[in-house]
């Protein structure tokens, strides 16, 4: 009987260790860039560049020639937290003045009929970006059009419906590429309701 109890105790400990290991692996940080294949990173970068993701997700700065270019120090970091939120004019949405207002917004800001939307931080920063996201969470966010953790819809102009049509391999390549870019600590403000 003593041998049976000892065997059961050892068996129970082995199960506990195995379950603990599974639980730990579910909460591990995403892999570092050294664990990603160069081919996947190349594919991810090509897709991000092809879809021009940087246009909405990277703040602009004025270049030497006076033209606005993506700020390389804030690549894919979304709308700058320290930038003043533009005052919303009280005017008819379809008026020429409204169109002028839209034209003067930074590329990281978008106005819909009822919302002022700020593009998200897609850098691997743990606090303000997607640094703690798993591959599964990233793919599900794009496939379902719902933001990880808070279940709110991804807002236009984010083309998640079109992006959700690409293969899992391509989405994973995007994820891996984003996980290798420079993390930027930038807490993007929430959307603002324009008219109630």
N, C-alpha and C. Protein backbone atom coordinates (compact mmCIF):
# COMPACT_ATOMS: atom_id res chain seq x y z
N UNK A 1 0.83 -1.19 0.00
CA UNK A 1 0.00 0.00 0.00
C UNK A 1 0.87 1.26 0.00
N UNK A 2 1.98 1.21 0.79
CA UNK A 2 2.89 2.34 0.87
C UNK A 2 3.47 2.66 -0.51
N UNK A 3 3.83 1.63 -1.29
CA UNK A 3 4.38 1.83 -2.63
C UNK A 3 3.36 2.45 -3.56
N UNK A 4 2.09 2.02 -3.41
CA UNK A 4 1.02 2.58 -4.24
C UNK A 4 0.85 4.06 -3.94
N UNK A 5 0.86 4.43 -2.64
CA UNK A 5 0.72 5.85 -2.24
C UNK A 5 1.90 6.66 -2.77
N UNK A 6 3.11 6.12 -2.67
CA UNK A 6 4.29 6.83 -3.18
C UNK A 6 4.18 7.03 -4.68
N UNK A 7 3.76 5.98 -5.38
CA UNK A 7 3.62 6.08 -6.83
C UNK A 7 2.57 7.12 -7.20
N UNK A 8 1.46 7.14 -6.46
CA UNK A 8 0.40 8.13 -6.73
C UNK A 8 0.90 9.54 -6.46
N UNK A 9 1.69 9.72 -5.40
CA UNK A 9 2.24 11.04 -5.07
C UNK A 9 3.16 11.53 -6.18
N UNK A 10 4.04 10.67 -6.63
CA UNK A 10 4.97 11.03 -7.71
C UNK A 10 4.18 11.35 -8.98
N UNK A 11 3.19 10.51 -9.29
CA UNK A 11 2.36 10.72 -10.48
C UNK A 11 1.64 12.07 -10.39
N UNK A 12 1.09 12.39 -9.20
CA UNK A 12 0.38 13.66 -8.99
C UNK A 12 1.32 14.85 -9.19
N UNK A 13 2.54 14.71 -8.65
CA UNK A 13 3.53 15.79 -8.81
C UNK A 13 3.90 15.99 -10.28
N UNK A 14 4.05 14.88 -11.01
CA UNK A 14 4.37 14.99 -12.43
C UNK A 14 3.26 15.70 -13.19
N UNK A 15 2.01 15.37 -12.89
CA UNK A 15 0.87 16.04 -13.54
C UNK A 15 0.86 17.52 -13.20
N UNK A 16 1.10 17.85 -11.92
CA UNK A 16 1.13 19.25 -11.49
C UNK A 16 2.21 20.04 -12.22
N UNK A 17 3.39 19.45 -12.34
CA UNK A 17 4.49 20.11 -13.06
C UNK A 17 4.12 20.31 -14.53
N UNK A 18 3.54 19.28 -15.13
CA UNK A 18 3.16 19.38 -16.55
C UNK A 18 2.11 20.46 -16.76
N UNK A 19 1.09 20.49 -15.89
CA UNK A 19 0.04 21.51 -16.00
C UNK A 19 0.61 22.89 -15.78
N UNK A 20 1.50 23.04 -14.80
CA UNK A 20 2.14 24.33 -14.54
C UNK A 20 2.93 24.79 -15.75
N UNK A 21 3.63 23.86 -16.38
CA UNK A 21 4.41 24.21 -17.57
C UNK A 21 3.53 24.69 -18.69
N UNK A 22 2.37 24.03 -18.89
CA UNK A 22 1.43 24.47 -19.92
C UNK A 22 0.90 25.84 -19.60
N UNK A 23 0.52 26.07 -18.34
CA UNK A 23 -0.01 27.38 -17.94
C UNK A 23 1.02 28.47 -18.15
N UNK A 24 2.28 28.19 -17.82
CA UNK A 24 3.34 29.18 -18.01
C UNK A 24 3.55 29.48 -19.48
N UNK A 25 3.51 28.45 -20.33
CA UNK A 25 3.77 28.69 -21.75
C UNK A 25 2.67 29.52 -22.39
N UNK A 26 1.45 29.48 -21.84
CA UNK A 26 0.34 30.28 -22.37
C UNK A 26 0.53 31.77 -22.09
N UNK A 27 1.33 32.11 -21.09
CA UNK A 27 1.49 33.51 -20.69
C UNK A 27 2.88 34.05 -20.96
N UNK A 28 3.68 33.30 -21.67
CA UNK A 28 5.02 33.77 -21.97
C UNK A 28 4.96 34.93 -22.95
N UNK A 29 5.95 35.79 -22.86
CA UNK A 29 6.06 36.88 -23.83
C UNK A 29 6.30 36.29 -25.21
N UNK A 30 5.90 37.04 -26.26
CA UNK A 30 6.21 36.57 -27.61
C UNK A 30 7.72 36.37 -27.79
N UNK A 31 8.06 35.52 -28.71
CA UNK A 31 9.48 35.20 -28.95
C UNK A 31 10.25 36.44 -29.39
N UNK A 32 11.54 36.42 -29.16
CA UNK A 32 12.38 37.54 -29.59
C UNK A 32 12.68 37.40 -31.07
N UNK A 33 13.21 38.48 -31.65
CA UNK A 33 13.44 38.48 -33.09
C UNK A 33 14.42 37.40 -33.53
N UNK A 34 15.30 36.98 -32.66
CA UNK A 34 16.27 35.96 -33.05
C UNK A 34 15.60 34.62 -33.30
N UNK A 35 14.38 34.45 -32.81
CA UNK A 35 13.67 33.19 -32.99
C UNK A 35 12.81 33.20 -34.25
N UNK A 36 12.76 34.32 -34.96
CA UNK A 36 11.97 34.40 -36.18
C UNK A 36 12.83 34.12 -37.38
N UNK A 37 12.24 33.49 -38.38
CA UNK A 37 13.01 33.19 -39.59
C UNK A 37 13.13 34.45 -40.44
N UNK A 38 14.28 34.64 -41.07
CA UNK A 38 14.47 35.81 -41.94
C UNK A 38 13.43 35.87 -43.06
N UNK A 39 13.01 34.70 -43.56
CA UNK A 39 12.02 34.67 -44.64
C UNK A 39 10.69 35.24 -44.18
N UNK A 40 10.25 34.84 -42.95
CA UNK A 40 8.98 35.34 -42.42
C UNK A 40 9.06 36.84 -42.20
N UNK A 41 10.19 37.31 -41.66
CA UNK A 41 10.36 38.74 -41.41
C UNK A 41 10.31 39.53 -42.71
N UNK A 42 10.92 38.98 -43.73
CA UNK A 42 10.93 39.64 -45.04
C UNK A 42 9.51 39.71 -45.61
N UNK A 43 8.76 38.64 -45.49
CA UNK A 43 7.37 38.62 -45.96
C UNK A 43 6.55 39.63 -45.17
N UNK A 44 6.70 39.63 -43.84
CA UNK A 44 5.94 40.56 -42.99
C UNK A 44 6.23 42.01 -43.34
N UNK A 45 7.50 42.32 -43.52
CA UNK A 45 7.88 43.69 -43.87
C UNK A 45 7.30 44.08 -45.22
N UNK A 46 7.35 43.16 -46.20
CA UNK A 46 6.81 43.44 -47.53
C UNK A 46 5.31 43.72 -47.47
N UNK A 47 4.59 42.97 -46.64
CA UNK A 47 3.14 43.18 -46.52
C UNK A 47 2.85 44.52 -45.85
N UNK A 48 3.55 44.82 -44.76
CA UNK A 48 3.36 46.09 -44.05
C UNK A 48 3.65 47.27 -44.98
N UNK A 49 4.71 47.15 -45.77
CA UNK A 49 5.04 48.22 -46.71
C UNK A 49 4.04 48.26 -47.87
N UNK A 50 3.64 47.10 -48.36
CA UNK A 50 2.69 47.03 -49.48
C UNK A 50 1.33 47.61 -49.13
N UNK A 51 0.88 47.37 -47.91
CA UNK A 51 -0.40 47.90 -47.45
C UNK A 51 -0.27 49.34 -46.96
N UNK A 52 0.94 49.86 -46.95
CA UNK A 52 1.22 51.24 -46.52
C UNK A 52 0.71 51.50 -45.09
N UNK A 53 0.91 50.52 -44.20
CA UNK A 53 0.45 50.63 -42.81
C UNK A 53 1.07 51.84 -42.11
N UNK A 54 2.28 52.17 -42.50
CA UNK A 54 3.00 53.27 -41.87
C UNK A 54 2.30 54.61 -42.07
N UNK A 55 1.56 54.77 -43.16
CA UNK A 55 0.91 56.05 -43.43
C UNK A 55 -0.01 56.45 -42.28
N UNK A 56 -0.79 55.51 -41.77
CA UNK A 56 -1.71 55.82 -40.67
C UNK A 56 -1.09 55.63 -39.29
N UNK A 57 -0.13 54.71 -39.19
CA UNK A 57 0.38 54.34 -37.86
C UNK A 57 1.71 55.00 -37.49
N UNK A 58 2.25 55.85 -38.36
CA UNK A 58 3.51 56.53 -38.05
C UNK A 58 3.32 58.04 -38.15
N UNK A 59 3.63 58.79 -37.08
CA UNK A 59 3.53 60.26 -37.15
C UNK A 59 4.47 60.81 -38.24
N UNK A 60 4.07 61.92 -38.78
CA UNK A 60 4.84 62.55 -39.85
C UNK A 60 5.73 63.67 -39.29
N UNK A 61 6.88 63.85 -39.94
CA UNK A 61 7.73 65.00 -39.64
C UNK A 61 8.09 65.67 -40.97
N UNK A 62 8.50 66.91 -40.89
CA UNK A 62 8.88 67.62 -42.11
C UNK A 62 10.31 67.26 -42.49
N UNK A 63 10.48 66.80 -43.71
CA UNK A 63 11.79 66.43 -44.20
C UNK A 63 12.59 67.64 -44.66
N UNK A 64 13.86 67.43 -45.05
CA UNK A 64 14.73 68.52 -45.48
C UNK A 64 14.17 69.32 -46.66
N UNK A 65 13.38 68.63 -47.52
CA UNK A 65 12.83 69.32 -48.69
C UNK A 65 11.48 69.98 -48.40
N UNK A 66 11.04 69.94 -47.11
CA UNK A 66 9.77 70.55 -46.74
C UNK A 66 8.58 69.62 -46.81
N UNK A 67 8.76 68.46 -47.44
CA UNK A 67 7.66 67.49 -47.53
C UNK A 67 7.59 66.67 -46.25
N UNK A 68 6.38 66.21 -45.94
CA UNK A 68 6.20 65.40 -44.74
C UNK A 68 6.55 63.95 -45.03
N UNK A 69 7.28 63.35 -44.09
CA UNK A 69 7.71 61.96 -44.21
C UNK A 69 7.45 61.25 -42.88
N UNK A 70 7.35 59.91 -42.88
CA UNK A 70 7.18 59.18 -41.62
C UNK A 70 8.39 59.40 -40.70
N UNK A 71 8.12 59.63 -39.42
CA UNK A 71 9.17 59.84 -38.43
C UNK A 71 9.82 58.50 -38.09
N UNK A 72 11.09 58.27 -38.48
CA UNK A 72 11.71 56.96 -38.23
C UNK A 72 11.87 56.64 -36.75
N UNK A 73 11.88 57.65 -35.88
CA UNK A 73 12.02 57.39 -34.44
C UNK A 73 10.71 56.95 -33.81
N UNK A 74 9.60 57.14 -34.53
CA UNK A 74 8.29 56.76 -33.98
C UNK A 74 7.55 55.83 -34.94
N UNK A 75 8.32 55.00 -35.65
CA UNK A 75 7.76 54.09 -36.65
C UNK A 75 6.68 53.20 -36.04
N UNK A 76 5.49 53.24 -36.61
CA UNK A 76 4.34 52.40 -36.25
C UNK A 76 3.85 52.62 -34.81
N UNK A 77 4.17 53.77 -34.23
CA UNK A 77 3.80 54.01 -32.82
C UNK A 77 2.43 54.67 -32.66
N UNK A 78 1.72 54.93 -33.75
CA UNK A 78 0.38 55.49 -33.65
C UNK A 78 0.37 56.99 -33.38
N UNK A 79 -0.82 57.49 -33.08
CA UNK A 79 -0.96 58.92 -32.83
C UNK A 79 -0.17 59.32 -31.58
N UNK A 80 0.65 60.38 -31.68
CA UNK A 80 1.48 60.77 -30.53
C UNK A 80 0.64 61.20 -29.33
N UNK A 81 0.93 60.60 -28.17
CA UNK A 81 0.19 60.91 -26.95
C UNK A 81 0.36 62.36 -26.53
N UNK A 82 1.52 62.95 -26.85
CA UNK A 82 1.78 64.32 -26.41
C UNK A 82 1.31 65.38 -27.40
N UNK A 83 0.73 64.95 -28.51
CA UNK A 83 0.25 65.92 -29.50
C UNK A 83 -1.13 66.43 -29.10
N UNK A 84 -1.32 67.73 -29.27
CA UNK A 84 -2.61 68.34 -28.91
C UNK A 84 -3.71 67.76 -29.79
N UNK A 85 -4.81 67.39 -29.16
CA UNK A 85 -5.94 66.84 -29.91
C UNK A 85 -6.60 68.00 -30.65
N UNK A 86 -6.82 67.85 -31.95
CA UNK A 86 -7.38 68.95 -32.72
C UNK A 86 -8.80 69.31 -32.28
N UNK A 87 -9.05 70.62 -32.23
CA UNK A 87 -10.39 71.09 -31.89
C UNK A 87 -11.32 70.77 -33.05
N UNK A 88 -12.46 70.20 -32.73
CA UNK A 88 -13.41 69.81 -33.77
C UNK A 88 -14.33 70.99 -34.07
N UNK A 89 -14.35 71.44 -35.32
CA UNK A 89 -15.20 72.59 -35.65
C UNK A 89 -16.67 72.23 -35.64
N UNK A 90 -17.48 73.21 -35.31
CA UNK A 90 -18.93 73.02 -35.30
C UNK A 90 -19.44 73.40 -36.68
N UNK A 91 -19.49 72.42 -37.57
CA UNK A 91 -19.91 72.70 -38.94
C UNK A 91 -20.54 71.47 -39.56
N UNK A 92 -21.18 71.67 -40.67
CA UNK A 92 -21.84 70.57 -41.37
C UNK A 92 -20.76 69.63 -41.92
N UNK A 93 -20.96 68.34 -41.70
CA UNK A 93 -19.96 67.34 -42.07
C UNK A 93 -19.58 67.38 -43.55
N UNK A 94 -20.55 67.66 -44.40
CA UNK A 94 -20.26 67.63 -45.85
C UNK A 94 -19.82 68.98 -46.40
N UNK A 95 -19.67 69.96 -45.54
CA UNK A 95 -19.31 71.30 -46.01
C UNK A 95 -17.85 71.36 -46.46
N UNK A 96 -17.50 72.34 -47.30
CA UNK A 96 -16.10 72.50 -47.71
C UNK A 96 -15.18 72.77 -46.51
N UNK A 97 -15.70 73.46 -45.48
CA UNK A 97 -14.90 73.73 -44.28
C UNK A 97 -14.54 72.43 -43.57
N UNK A 98 -15.50 71.50 -43.52
CA UNK A 98 -15.25 70.21 -42.89
C UNK A 98 -14.19 69.43 -43.66
N UNK A 99 -14.29 69.47 -44.99
CA UNK A 99 -13.30 68.78 -45.82
C UNK A 99 -11.90 69.38 -45.61
N UNK A 100 -11.85 70.70 -45.44
CA UNK A 100 -10.56 71.35 -45.17
C UNK A 100 -10.02 70.92 -43.81
N UNK A 101 -10.91 70.80 -42.83
CA UNK A 101 -10.52 70.32 -41.50
C UNK A 101 -9.91 68.93 -41.62
N UNK A 102 -10.56 68.04 -42.38
CA UNK A 102 -10.05 66.68 -42.55
C UNK A 102 -8.68 66.68 -43.23
N UNK A 103 -8.53 67.54 -44.23
CA UNK A 103 -7.26 67.61 -44.97
C UNK A 103 -6.11 68.05 -44.09
N UNK A 104 -6.40 68.82 -43.05
CA UNK A 104 -5.34 69.35 -42.19
C UNK A 104 -5.01 68.44 -41.00
N UNK A 105 -5.73 67.34 -40.87
CA UNK A 105 -5.43 66.40 -39.79
C UNK A 105 -4.16 65.63 -40.11
N UNK A 106 -3.43 65.26 -39.07
CA UNK A 106 -2.27 64.39 -39.22
C UNK A 106 -2.74 63.03 -39.73
N UNK A 107 -1.85 62.30 -40.40
CA UNK A 107 -2.25 61.00 -40.95
C UNK A 107 -2.58 59.97 -39.87
N UNK A 108 -2.24 60.26 -38.61
CA UNK A 108 -2.56 59.33 -37.51
C UNK A 108 -3.93 59.62 -36.90
N UNK A 109 -4.66 60.58 -37.49
CA UNK A 109 -6.01 60.93 -37.01
C UNK A 109 -6.99 60.76 -38.16
N UNK A 110 -8.17 60.26 -37.84
CA UNK A 110 -9.20 60.10 -38.86
C UNK A 110 -10.53 60.52 -38.26
N UNK A 111 -11.34 61.20 -39.05
CA UNK A 111 -12.67 61.60 -38.59
C UNK A 111 -13.72 60.86 -39.40
N UNK A 112 -14.67 60.26 -38.70
CA UNK A 112 -15.82 59.66 -39.36
C UNK A 112 -17.00 60.59 -39.13
N UNK A 113 -18.20 60.11 -39.43
CA UNK A 113 -19.38 60.95 -39.20
C UNK A 113 -19.53 61.34 -37.74
N UNK A 114 -19.08 60.48 -36.82
CA UNK A 114 -19.33 60.76 -35.41
C UNK A 114 -18.13 60.54 -34.49
N UNK A 115 -16.97 60.19 -35.04
CA UNK A 115 -15.82 59.91 -34.19
C UNK A 115 -14.55 60.54 -34.73
N UNK A 116 -13.70 60.94 -33.80
CA UNK A 116 -12.32 61.30 -34.13
C UNK A 116 -11.50 60.11 -33.65
N UNK A 117 -10.81 59.44 -34.58
CA UNK A 117 -10.13 58.18 -34.30
C UNK A 117 -8.62 58.39 -34.40
N UNK A 118 -7.88 57.80 -33.46
CA UNK A 118 -6.43 57.91 -33.43
C UNK A 118 -5.83 56.53 -33.69
N UNK A 119 -4.87 56.47 -34.61
CA UNK A 119 -4.30 55.17 -34.97
C UNK A 119 -3.52 54.56 -33.81
N UNK A 120 -3.55 53.23 -33.76
CA UNK A 120 -2.97 52.47 -32.64
C UNK A 120 -1.46 52.36 -32.72
N UNK A 121 -0.86 52.11 -31.57
CA UNK A 121 0.56 51.84 -31.45
C UNK A 121 0.77 50.36 -31.77
N UNK A 122 1.43 50.07 -32.87
CA UNK A 122 1.68 48.68 -33.28
C UNK A 122 3.11 48.24 -33.03
N UNK A 123 3.84 49.00 -32.20
CA UNK A 123 5.20 48.58 -31.85
C UNK A 123 5.12 47.54 -30.72
N UNK A 124 6.21 46.79 -30.49
CA UNK A 124 6.18 45.76 -29.44
C UNK A 124 6.39 46.30 -28.02
N UNK A 125 5.99 47.54 -27.76
CA UNK A 125 6.06 48.07 -26.40
C UNK A 125 5.05 47.33 -25.53
N UNK A 126 5.50 46.84 -24.36
CA UNK A 126 4.63 46.03 -23.50
C UNK A 126 3.47 46.81 -22.91
N UNK A 127 3.69 48.09 -22.60
CA UNK A 127 2.66 48.87 -21.91
C UNK A 127 1.68 49.54 -22.85
N UNK A 128 2.17 50.07 -23.97
CA UNK A 128 1.31 50.89 -24.82
C UNK A 128 1.12 50.35 -26.23
N UNK A 129 1.85 49.31 -26.57
CA UNK A 129 1.76 48.72 -27.91
C UNK A 129 1.23 47.31 -27.85
N UNK A 130 1.74 46.46 -28.74
CA UNK A 130 1.26 45.07 -28.83
C UNK A 130 2.31 44.07 -28.33
N UNK A 131 3.22 44.55 -27.49
CA UNK A 131 4.32 43.71 -27.01
C UNK A 131 3.91 42.47 -26.25
N UNK A 132 2.76 42.50 -25.59
CA UNK A 132 2.32 41.33 -24.81
C UNK A 132 1.35 40.45 -25.59
N UNK A 133 1.02 40.84 -26.81
CA UNK A 133 0.09 40.05 -27.61
C UNK A 133 0.75 38.75 -28.07
N UNK A 134 -0.03 37.70 -28.11
CA UNK A 134 0.44 36.43 -28.66
C UNK A 134 0.09 36.40 -30.15
N UNK A 135 0.68 35.45 -30.85
CA UNK A 135 0.36 35.27 -32.27
C UNK A 135 -1.13 35.04 -32.46
N UNK A 136 -1.71 34.21 -31.60
CA UNK A 136 -3.14 33.88 -31.70
C UNK A 136 -3.99 35.13 -31.51
N UNK A 137 -3.65 35.95 -30.52
CA UNK A 137 -4.42 37.18 -30.27
C UNK A 137 -4.33 38.14 -31.45
N UNK A 138 -3.16 38.25 -32.04
CA UNK A 138 -2.98 39.13 -33.20
C UNK A 138 -3.84 38.66 -34.37
N UNK A 139 -3.73 37.37 -34.69
CA UNK A 139 -4.49 36.82 -35.82
C UNK A 139 -5.99 36.95 -35.57
N UNK A 140 -6.45 36.64 -34.36
CA UNK A 140 -7.88 36.74 -34.05
C UNK A 140 -8.38 38.17 -34.15
N UNK A 141 -7.55 39.13 -33.74
CA UNK A 141 -7.94 40.55 -33.83
C UNK A 141 -8.21 40.93 -35.27
N UNK A 142 -7.33 40.51 -36.17
CA UNK A 142 -7.52 40.84 -37.59
C UNK A 142 -8.68 40.04 -38.18
N UNK A 143 -8.75 38.76 -37.89
CA UNK A 143 -9.80 37.91 -38.46
C UNK A 143 -11.20 38.36 -38.01
N UNK A 144 -11.34 38.73 -36.74
CA UNK A 144 -12.66 39.06 -36.19
C UNK A 144 -12.96 40.55 -36.18
N UNK A 145 -11.93 41.38 -36.41
CA UNK A 145 -12.15 42.83 -36.40
C UNK A 145 -12.48 43.35 -35.02
N UNK A 146 -11.99 42.65 -33.99
CA UNK A 146 -12.25 43.08 -32.61
C UNK A 146 -10.93 43.22 -31.88
N UNK A 147 -10.77 44.34 -31.17
CA UNK A 147 -9.53 44.64 -30.47
C UNK A 147 -9.29 43.65 -29.35
N UNK A 148 -8.06 43.17 -29.26
CA UNK A 148 -7.70 42.18 -28.24
C UNK A 148 -8.00 42.69 -26.84
N UNK A 149 -8.67 41.85 -26.06
CA UNK A 149 -8.87 42.16 -24.65
C UNK A 149 -10.10 42.98 -24.33
N UNK A 150 -10.49 43.90 -25.21
CA UNK A 150 -11.65 44.75 -24.87
C UNK A 150 -12.83 44.54 -25.80
N UNK A 151 -12.63 43.70 -26.79
CA UNK A 151 -13.72 43.28 -27.67
C UNK A 151 -14.40 44.40 -28.45
N UNK A 152 -13.78 45.58 -28.52
CA UNK A 152 -14.42 46.62 -29.34
C UNK A 152 -14.00 46.44 -30.79
N UNK A 153 -14.86 46.87 -31.68
CA UNK A 153 -14.59 46.75 -33.11
C UNK A 153 -13.40 47.60 -33.52
N UNK A 154 -12.61 47.10 -34.46
CA UNK A 154 -11.58 47.92 -35.08
C UNK A 154 -12.30 48.93 -35.96
N UNK A 155 -11.88 50.16 -35.89
CA UNK A 155 -12.62 51.22 -36.57
C UNK A 155 -12.01 51.56 -37.92
N UNK A 156 -12.88 52.01 -38.82
CA UNK A 156 -12.45 52.52 -40.11
C UNK A 156 -11.56 53.73 -39.84
N UNK A 157 -10.47 53.91 -40.58
CA UNK A 157 -10.13 53.31 -41.87
C UNK A 157 -9.26 52.05 -41.80
N UNK A 158 -9.12 51.43 -40.63
CA UNK A 158 -8.34 50.19 -40.54
C UNK A 158 -9.01 49.14 -41.43
N UNK A 159 -8.32 48.68 -42.49
CA UNK A 159 -8.96 47.77 -43.46
C UNK A 159 -8.92 46.31 -43.00
N UNK A 160 -9.43 46.04 -41.81
CA UNK A 160 -9.29 44.69 -41.27
C UNK A 160 -10.06 43.65 -42.10
N UNK A 161 -11.19 44.07 -42.72
CA UNK A 161 -11.94 43.08 -43.52
C UNK A 161 -11.09 42.57 -44.68
N UNK A 162 -10.40 43.49 -45.36
CA UNK A 162 -9.55 43.09 -46.48
C UNK A 162 -8.33 42.31 -45.98
N UNK A 163 -7.74 42.79 -44.88
CA UNK A 163 -6.55 42.15 -44.34
C UNK A 163 -6.87 40.75 -43.80
N UNK A 164 -8.10 40.55 -43.34
CA UNK A 164 -8.48 39.24 -42.80
C UNK A 164 -8.55 38.17 -43.89
N UNK A 165 -8.52 38.59 -45.15
CA UNK A 165 -8.58 37.64 -46.27
C UNK A 165 -7.22 36.98 -46.55
N UNK A 166 -6.13 37.55 -46.00
CA UNK A 166 -4.82 36.97 -46.28
C UNK A 166 -4.64 35.69 -45.46
N UNK A 167 -3.66 34.92 -45.81
CA UNK A 167 -3.45 33.61 -45.16
C UNK A 167 -2.93 33.78 -43.73
N UNK A 168 -3.08 32.71 -42.94
CA UNK A 168 -2.54 32.71 -41.59
C UNK A 168 -1.02 32.94 -41.62
N UNK A 169 -0.37 32.32 -42.59
CA UNK A 169 1.09 32.46 -42.73
C UNK A 169 1.47 33.94 -42.91
N UNK A 170 0.69 34.65 -43.72
CA UNK A 170 0.98 36.07 -43.95
C UNK A 170 0.71 36.91 -42.71
N UNK A 171 -0.40 36.61 -42.01
CA UNK A 171 -0.70 37.34 -40.78
C UNK A 171 0.37 37.09 -39.72
N UNK A 172 0.84 35.86 -39.62
CA UNK A 172 1.90 35.54 -38.66
C UNK A 172 3.20 36.24 -39.05
N UNK A 173 3.43 36.38 -40.33
CA UNK A 173 4.63 37.09 -40.79
C UNK A 173 4.55 38.58 -40.42
N UNK A 174 3.36 39.17 -40.55
CA UNK A 174 3.17 40.57 -40.13
C UNK A 174 3.45 40.69 -38.64
N UNK A 175 2.86 39.78 -37.86
CA UNK A 175 3.05 39.79 -36.41
C UNK A 175 4.53 39.72 -36.05
N UNK A 176 5.23 38.76 -36.66
CA UNK A 176 6.64 38.58 -36.34
C UNK A 176 7.46 39.81 -36.73
N UNK A 177 7.15 40.40 -37.87
CA UNK A 177 7.87 41.61 -38.28
C UNK A 177 7.62 42.74 -37.28
N UNK A 178 6.36 42.95 -36.89
CA UNK A 178 6.05 44.02 -35.93
C UNK A 178 6.74 43.79 -34.59
N UNK A 179 6.94 42.53 -34.21
CA UNK A 179 7.60 42.23 -32.95
C UNK A 179 9.10 42.52 -32.97
N UNK A 180 9.65 42.78 -34.16
CA UNK A 180 11.09 43.05 -34.25
C UNK A 180 11.41 44.53 -34.44
N UNK A 181 10.37 45.37 -34.63
CA UNK A 181 10.67 46.80 -34.79
C UNK A 181 10.91 47.42 -33.42
N UNK A 182 11.42 48.64 -33.43
CA UNK A 182 11.77 49.32 -32.17
C UNK A 182 10.52 49.61 -31.35
N UNK A 183 10.45 49.17 -30.08
CA UNK A 183 9.29 49.50 -29.25
C UNK A 183 9.29 51.00 -28.93
N UNK A 184 8.11 51.60 -28.97
CA UNK A 184 7.97 53.02 -28.65
C UNK A 184 6.89 53.15 -27.57
N UNK A 185 7.26 53.80 -26.47
CA UNK A 185 6.30 54.04 -25.38
C UNK A 185 5.41 55.21 -25.78
N UNK A 186 4.21 54.91 -26.22
CA UNK A 186 3.29 55.95 -26.69
C UNK A 186 1.85 55.49 -26.48
N UNK A 187 1.20 56.06 -25.47
CA UNK A 187 -0.19 55.69 -25.17
C UNK A 187 -1.12 56.55 -26.01
N UNK A 188 -1.73 55.92 -26.99
CA UNK A 188 -2.62 56.61 -27.92
C UNK A 188 -3.93 56.97 -27.21
N UNK A 189 -4.43 58.21 -27.41
CA UNK A 189 -5.70 58.57 -26.75
C UNK A 189 -6.88 57.80 -27.33
N UNK A 190 -7.95 57.66 -26.54
CA UNK A 190 -9.14 56.97 -27.04
C UNK A 190 -9.87 57.83 -28.07
N UNK A 191 -10.73 57.20 -28.85
CA UNK A 191 -11.54 57.93 -29.82
C UNK A 191 -12.42 58.95 -29.12
N UNK A 192 -12.77 60.01 -29.85
CA UNK A 192 -13.61 61.06 -29.29
C UNK A 192 -14.92 61.11 -30.08
N UNK A 193 -16.04 61.09 -29.36
CA UNK A 193 -17.34 61.23 -30.00
C UNK A 193 -17.51 62.70 -30.39
N UNK A 194 -17.78 62.94 -31.67
CA UNK A 194 -17.87 64.31 -32.17
C UNK A 194 -19.21 64.96 -31.85
N UNK A 195 -20.28 64.24 -32.14
CA UNK A 195 -21.60 64.82 -31.95
C UNK A 195 -22.49 63.82 -31.23
N UNK A 196 -23.23 64.28 -30.26
CA UNK A 196 -24.11 63.37 -29.49
C UNK A 196 -25.54 63.52 -29.95
